[in-house]
Amino acid sequence: CDTMVVHCLESTEDSLTITWDPVEGATQEKYEVQWRVEGSGEDFAPLGSKGFTNRDPKRKGKLASGTAYEFRVRGRDNVDWLAWSSPTSHTTLPEVSCRLPAPTMQSSDAGAITVQWTEVPGATAYELQFRGVDDCSWRTLSNKLTGTVAKKKNLDATKKYLFQ
C-alpha cells in the first residue's frame, strides 16, 4: 500500500513549496524528489541535484502560473533506493489571484487565537485557513467569514500556528 504523499505547504503564481510524509522502509535520511507538468507525459525531472538529507520544506520555483505539477518521492534503506511514491498533484496560483498579507494575531489565551486581516474593498466573504507549524496541510476554519477578525478555539496551547 503506497502511503507516501507529497504535500503542498504554499502555492504562489510561480512556485510550489512542498514536503512529504515519512518514507516507509527508509532507514537513512536520504530522499529523492522528482516533478513534472501534470499530464505532460514527459519524464520526471529531479528536484535538487543531489537529493535531500531531511524532509524540510523544498521550494520549486520558475513555474508557470495556474499549472498543475506532479511530485513524487522515494527514500533509501541500507542497500538501495526504495520505490517511488505515487505522484501527487499541486497547482500554482493563477496570475489574477488576489493574495492578502498574512493575518496578524490580535490576541491569544489558553487554547485560542484571534487574528485580523486587511479588508478588501468589494469582498463579500473571506476564507481563513490555519495549520500547526509542524503540520503538512492547511485546514479551512471558514470560507464564509464576512468580517476581518476571527477567533480559533480548541487549539493546543503548547503548539505554534500559522494562518492564511
C-alpha atoms as a PDB file:
ATOM      1  CA  CYS A   1       0.000   0.000   0.000  1.00  0.00           C
ATOM      2  CA  ASP A   2       1.525   3.303  -1.104  1.00  0.00           C
ATOM      3  CA  THR A   3       1.067   5.739   1.772  1.00  0.00           C
ATOM      4  CA  MET A   4       3.735   8.322   0.919  1.00  0.00           C
ATOM      5  CA  VAL A   5       2.231  11.644  -0.018  1.00  0.00           C
ATOM      6  CA  VAL A   6       3.841  14.887  -1.144  1.00  0.00           C
ATOM      7  CA  HIS A   7       2.087  17.880   0.466  1.00  0.00           C
ATOM      8  CA  CYS A   8       1.989  21.460  -0.784  1.00  0.00           C
ATOM      9  CA  LEU A   9       2.668  23.962   2.002  1.00  0.00           C
ATOM     10  CA  GLU A  10       2.443  27.070  -0.166  1.00  0.00           C
ATOM     11  CA  SER A  11       1.437  27.873  -3.721  1.00  0.00           C
ATOM     12  CA  THR A  12       2.275  31.153  -5.457  1.00  0.00           C
ATOM     13  CA  GLU A  13       1.916  32.268  -9.066  1.00  0.00           C
ATOM     14  CA  ASP A  14       5.356  30.839  -9.936  1.00  0.00           C
ATOM     15  CA  SER A  15       6.344  28.398  -7.180  1.00  0.00           C
ATOM     16  CA  LEU A  16       5.254  25.479  -5.013  1.00  0.00           C
ATOM     17  CA  THR A  17       6.709  24.696  -1.591  1.00  0.00           C
ATOM     18  CA  ILE A  18       6.410  21.023  -0.710  1.00  0.00           C
ATOM     19  CA  THR A  19       7.190  18.493   1.979  1.00  0.00           C
ATOM     20  CA  TRP A  20       6.395  14.799   2.245  1.00  0.00           C
ATOM     21  CA  ASP A  21       5.336  12.095   4.668  1.00  0.00           C
ATOM     22  CA  PRO A  22       7.953   9.792   6.199  1.00  0.00           C
ATOM     23  CA  VAL A  23       9.007   7.138   3.696  1.00  0.00           C
ATOM     24  CA  GLU A  24       8.071   3.667   4.947  1.00  0.00           C
ATOM     25  CA  GLY A  25      11.100   1.358   4.992  1.00  0.00           C
ATOM     26  CA  ALA A  26      13.644   4.150   4.700  1.00  0.00           C
ATOM     27  CA  THR A  27      16.455   3.618   7.196  1.00  0.00           C
ATOM     28  CA  GLN A  28      18.555   6.606   6.178  1.00  0.00           C
ATOM     29  CA  GLU A  29      17.707  10.296   5.952  1.00  0.00           C
ATOM     30  CA  LYS A  30      18.166  10.314   2.168  1.00  0.00           C
ATOM     31  CA  TYR A  31      15.401  11.308  -0.237  1.00  0.00           C
ATOM     32  CA  GLU A  32      14.969  11.985  -3.928  1.00  0.00           C
ATOM     33  CA  VAL A  33      12.117  14.136  -5.204  1.00  0.00           C
ATOM     34  CA  GLN A  34      11.004  14.448  -8.835  1.00  0.00           C
ATOM     35  CA  TRP A  35       8.477  16.693 -10.583  1.00  0.00           C
ATOM     36  CA  ARG A  36       6.833  17.304 -13.975  1.00  0.00           C
ATOM     37  CA  VAL A  37       3.904  19.145 -15.522  1.00  0.00           C
ATOM     38  CA  GLU A  38       0.809  17.044 -14.838  1.00  0.00           C
ATOM     39  CA  GLY A  39      -0.445  15.164 -17.884  1.00  0.00           C
ATOM     40  CA  SER A  40       2.577  16.154 -19.993  1.00  0.00           C
ATOM     41  CA  GLY A  41       3.796  12.598 -20.497  1.00  0.00           C
ATOM     42  CA  GLU A  42       7.328  13.921 -20.001  1.00  0.00           C
ATOM     43  CA  ASP A  43       9.835  12.112 -17.828  1.00  0.00           C
ATOM     44  CA  PHE A  44      10.051  13.293 -14.226  1.00  0.00           C
ATOM     45  CA  ALA A  45      12.914  15.719 -13.534  1.00  0.00           C
ATOM     46  CA  PRO A  46      14.870  15.785 -10.265  1.00  0.00           C
ATOM     47  CA  LEU A  47      14.178  18.491  -7.702  1.00  0.00           C
ATOM     48  CA  GLY A  48      17.636  19.368  -6.447  1.00  0.00           C
ATOM     49  CA  SER A  49      20.806  17.937  -7.920  1.00  0.00           C
ATOM     50  CA  LYS A  50      21.912  15.597  -5.127  1.00  0.00           C
ATOM     51  CA  GLY A  51      18.730  14.617  -3.304  1.00  0.00           C
ATOM     52  CA  PHE A  52      17.983  15.672   0.263  1.00  0.00           C
ATOM     53  CA  THR A  53      19.020  14.598   3.750  1.00  0.00           C
ATOM     54  CA  ASN A  54      15.869  15.825   5.523  1.00  0.00           C
ATOM     55  CA  ARG A  55      12.154  16.415   4.966  1.00  0.00           C
ATOM     56  CA  ASP A  56      12.324  20.186   5.469  1.00  0.00           C
ATOM     57  CA  PRO A  57      10.106  22.125   3.020  1.00  0.00           C
ATOM     58  CA  LYS A  58      11.522  22.446  -0.500  1.00  0.00           C
ATOM     59  CA  ARG A  59      10.595  25.214  -2.967  1.00  0.00           C
ATOM     60  CA  LYS A  60      10.311  24.630  -6.719  1.00  0.00           C
ATOM     61  CA  GLY A  61      10.351  27.997  -8.462  1.00  0.00           C
ATOM     62  CA  LYS A  62      10.201  29.323 -12.024  1.00  0.00           C
ATOM     63  CA  LEU A  63       6.911  27.524 -12.686  1.00  0.00           C
ATOM     64  CA  ALA A  64       4.049  28.599 -14.951  1.00  0.00           C
ATOM     65  CA  SER A  65       1.044  30.198 -13.235  1.00  0.00           C
ATOM     66  CA  GLY A  66      -2.221  28.268 -12.981  1.00  0.00           C
ATOM     67  CA  THR A  67      -0.493  24.997 -13.900  1.00  0.00           C
ATOM     68  CA  ALA A  68      -0.740  21.587 -12.206  1.00  0.00           C
ATOM     69  CA  TYR A  69       2.509  19.797 -11.370  1.00  0.00           C
ATOM     70  CA  GLU A  70       3.087  16.237 -10.179  1.00  0.00           C
ATOM     71  CA  PHE A  71       5.621  15.365  -7.488  1.00  0.00           C
ATOM     72  CA  ARG A  72       6.882  12.008  -6.256  1.00  0.00           C
ATOM     73  CA  VAL A  73       9.415  10.954  -3.621  1.00  0.00           C
ATOM     74  CA  ARG A  74      11.451   7.955  -2.591  1.00  0.00           C
ATOM     75  CA  GLY A  75      13.693   7.142   0.323  1.00  0.00           C
ATOM     76  CA  ARG A  76      16.706   4.915   0.813  1.00  0.00           C
ATOM     77  CA  ASP A  77      17.302   1.898   3.009  1.00  0.00           C
ATOM     78  CA  ASN A  78      20.736   0.491   3.907  1.00  0.00           C
ATOM     79  CA  VAL A  79      21.136  -1.162   0.489  1.00  0.00           C
ATOM     80  CA  ASP A  80      19.327   0.738  -2.260  1.00  0.00           C
ATOM     81  CA  TRP A  81      16.669   3.301  -3.210  1.00  0.00           C
ATOM     82  CA  LEU A  82      13.074   2.314  -2.462  1.00  0.00           C
ATOM     83  CA  ALA A  83      10.197   2.537  -4.970  1.00  0.00           C
ATOM     84  CA  TRP A  84       8.813   5.931  -5.994  1.00  0.00           C
ATOM     85  CA  SER A  85       5.603   7.109  -4.350  1.00  0.00           C
ATOM     86  CA  SER A  86       2.532   7.610  -6.492  1.00  0.00           C
ATOM     87  CA  PRO A  87       2.558  11.150  -7.932  1.00  0.00           C
ATOM     88  CA  THR A  88       0.532  13.824  -6.173  1.00  0.00           C
ATOM     89  CA  SER A  89      -0.674  16.920  -7.994  1.00  0.00           C
ATOM     90  CA  HIS A  90      -0.356  20.553  -6.857  1.00  0.00           C
ATOM     91  CA  THR A  91      -1.250  23.704  -8.789  1.00  0.00           C
ATOM     92  CA  THR A  92       0.348  27.146  -8.889  1.00  0.00           C
ATOM     93  CA  LEU A  93      -1.945  30.122  -8.409  1.00  0.00           C
ATOM     94  CA  PRO A  94      -3.319  31.888 -11.479  1.00  0.00           C
ATOM     95  CA  GLU A  95      -1.828  35.321 -12.219  1.00  0.00           C
ATOM     96  CA  VAL A  96      -5.071  37.095 -11.337  1.00  0.00           C
ATOM     97  CA  SER A  97      -5.099  35.878  -7.717  1.00  0.00           C
ATOM     98  CA  CYS A  98      -5.723  38.445  -5.041  1.00  0.00           C
ATOM     99  CA  ARG A  99      -3.292  37.439  -2.317  1.00  0.00           C
ATOM    100  CA  LEU A 100      -3.651  39.204   1.004  1.00  0.00           C
ATOM    101  CA  PRO A 101      -0.891  39.713   3.542  1.00  0.00           C
ATOM    102  CA  ALA A 102      -0.959  37.054   6.272  1.00  0.00           C
ATOM    103  CA  PRO A 103      -3.379  37.743   9.126  1.00  0.00           C
ATOM    104  CA  THR A 104      -1.867  39.163  12.299  1.00  0.00           C
ATOM    105  CA  MET A 105      -2.532  37.971  15.817  1.00  0.00           C
ATOM    106  CA  GLN A 106      -4.853  40.281  17.691  1.00  0.00           C
ATOM    107  CA  SER A 107      -4.913  38.286  20.939  1.00  0.00           C
ATOM    108  CA  SER A 108      -4.360  34.822  22.370  1.00  0.00           C
ATOM    109  CA  ASP A 109      -5.187  32.925  25.514  1.00  0.00           C
ATOM    110  CA  ALA A 110      -5.037  29.281  26.574  1.00  0.00           C
ATOM    111  CA  GLY A 111      -6.144  27.327  23.540  1.00  0.00           C
ATOM    112  CA  ALA A 112      -7.459  30.224  21.414  1.00  0.00           C
ATOM    113  CA  ILE A 113      -6.066  32.765  18.956  1.00  0.00           C
ATOM    114  CA  THR A 114      -7.830  35.800  17.456  1.00  0.00           C
ATOM    115  CA  VAL A 115      -6.463  37.010  14.119  1.00  0.00           C
ATOM    116  CA  GLN A 116      -7.206  40.049  11.981  1.00  0.00           C
ATOM    117  CA  TRP A 117      -6.521  40.795   8.308  1.00  0.00           C
ATOM    118  CA  THR A 118      -6.773  43.679   5.872  1.00  0.00           C
ATOM    119  CA  GLU A 119     -10.214  44.405   4.402  1.00  0.00           C
ATOM    120  CA  VAL A 120     -10.545  44.010   0.641  1.00  0.00           C
ATOM    121  CA  PRO A 121     -12.922  46.602  -0.882  1.00  0.00           C
ATOM    122  CA  GLY A 122     -15.864  44.844  -2.531  1.00  0.00           C
ATOM    123  CA  ALA A 123     -15.182  41.435  -0.926  1.00  0.00           C
ATOM    124  CA  THR A 124     -18.345  39.673   0.221  1.00  0.00           C
ATOM    125  CA  ALA A 125     -16.626  36.826   2.128  1.00  0.00           C
ATOM    126  CA  TYR A 126     -13.189  35.625   3.227  1.00  0.00           C
ATOM    127  CA  GLU A 127     -11.688  32.145   3.618  1.00  0.00           C
ATOM    128  CA  LEU A 128      -9.386  31.664   6.616  1.00  0.00           C
ATOM    129  CA  GLN A 129      -7.063  28.677   6.902  1.00  0.00           C
ATOM    130  CA  PHE A 130      -4.713  27.558   9.670  1.00  0.00           C
ATOM    131  CA  ARG A 131      -2.192  24.830  10.474  1.00  0.00           C
ATOM    132  CA  GLY A 132       0.286  23.957  13.180  1.00  0.00           C
ATOM    133  CA  VAL A 133       3.846  24.908  12.191  1.00  0.00           C
ATOM    134  CA  ASP A 134       4.742  21.193  12.140  1.00  0.00           C
ATOM    135  CA  ASP A 135       1.623  20.140  10.213  1.00  0.00           C
ATOM    136  CA  CYS A 136       1.751  19.475   6.482  1.00  0.00           C
ATOM    137  CA  SER A 137      -1.648  20.704   5.386  1.00  0.00           C
ATOM    138  CA  TRP A 138      -3.810  23.756   5.808  1.00  0.00           C
ATOM    139  CA  ARG A 139      -7.297  23.377   7.314  1.00  0.00           C
ATOM    140  CA  THR A 140     -10.110  25.765   6.489  1.00  0.00           C
ATOM    141  CA  LEU A 141     -11.534  27.473   9.567  1.00  0.00           C
ATOM    142  CA  SER A 142     -14.304  29.034   7.461  1.00  0.00           C
ATOM    143  CA  ASN A 143     -14.858  30.134   3.872  1.00  0.00           C
ATOM    144  CA  LYS A 144     -17.859  32.342   4.731  1.00  0.00           C
ATOM    145  CA  LEU A 145     -16.359  34.990   7.007  1.00  0.00           C
ATOM    146  CA  THR A 146     -17.839  38.436   6.397  1.00  0.00           C
ATOM    147  CA  GLY A 147     -15.662  40.418   8.817  1.00  0.00           C
ATOM    148  CA  THR A 148     -11.900  40.799   9.140  1.00  0.00           C
ATOM    149  CA  VAL A 149     -11.479  39.247  12.596  1.00  0.00           C
ATOM    150  CA  ALA A 150     -11.832  35.589  13.604  1.00  0.00           C
ATOM    151  CA  LYS A 151     -11.155  33.526  16.705  1.00  0.00           C
ATOM    152  CA  LYS A 152      -9.991  29.904  16.577  1.00  0.00           C
ATOM    153  CA  LYS A 153     -10.711  27.966  19.767  1.00  0.00           C
ATOM    154  CA  ASN A 154      -9.693  24.498  20.969  1.00  0.00           C
ATOM    155  CA  LEU A 155      -6.042  24.828  19.972  1.00  0.00           C
ATOM    156  CA  ASP A 156      -3.172  23.042  21.697  1.00  0.00           C
ATOM    157  CA  ALA A 157      -1.630  25.748  23.891  1.00  0.00           C
ATOM    158  CA  THR A 158       1.827  24.149  23.533  1.00  0.00           C
ATOM    159  CA  LYS A 159       1.883  24.468  19.711  1.00  0.00           C
ATOM    160  CA  LYS A 160       2.511  27.379  17.336  1.00  0.00           C
ATOM    161  CA  TYR A 161       0.079  28.065  14.482  1.00  0.00           C
ATOM    162  CA  LEU A 162       0.089  29.770  11.094  1.00  0.00           C
ATOM    163  CA  PHE A 163      -2.907  31.483   9.475  1.00  0.00           C
ATOM    164  CA  GLN A 164      -3.629  32.496   5.877  1.00  0.00           C
END
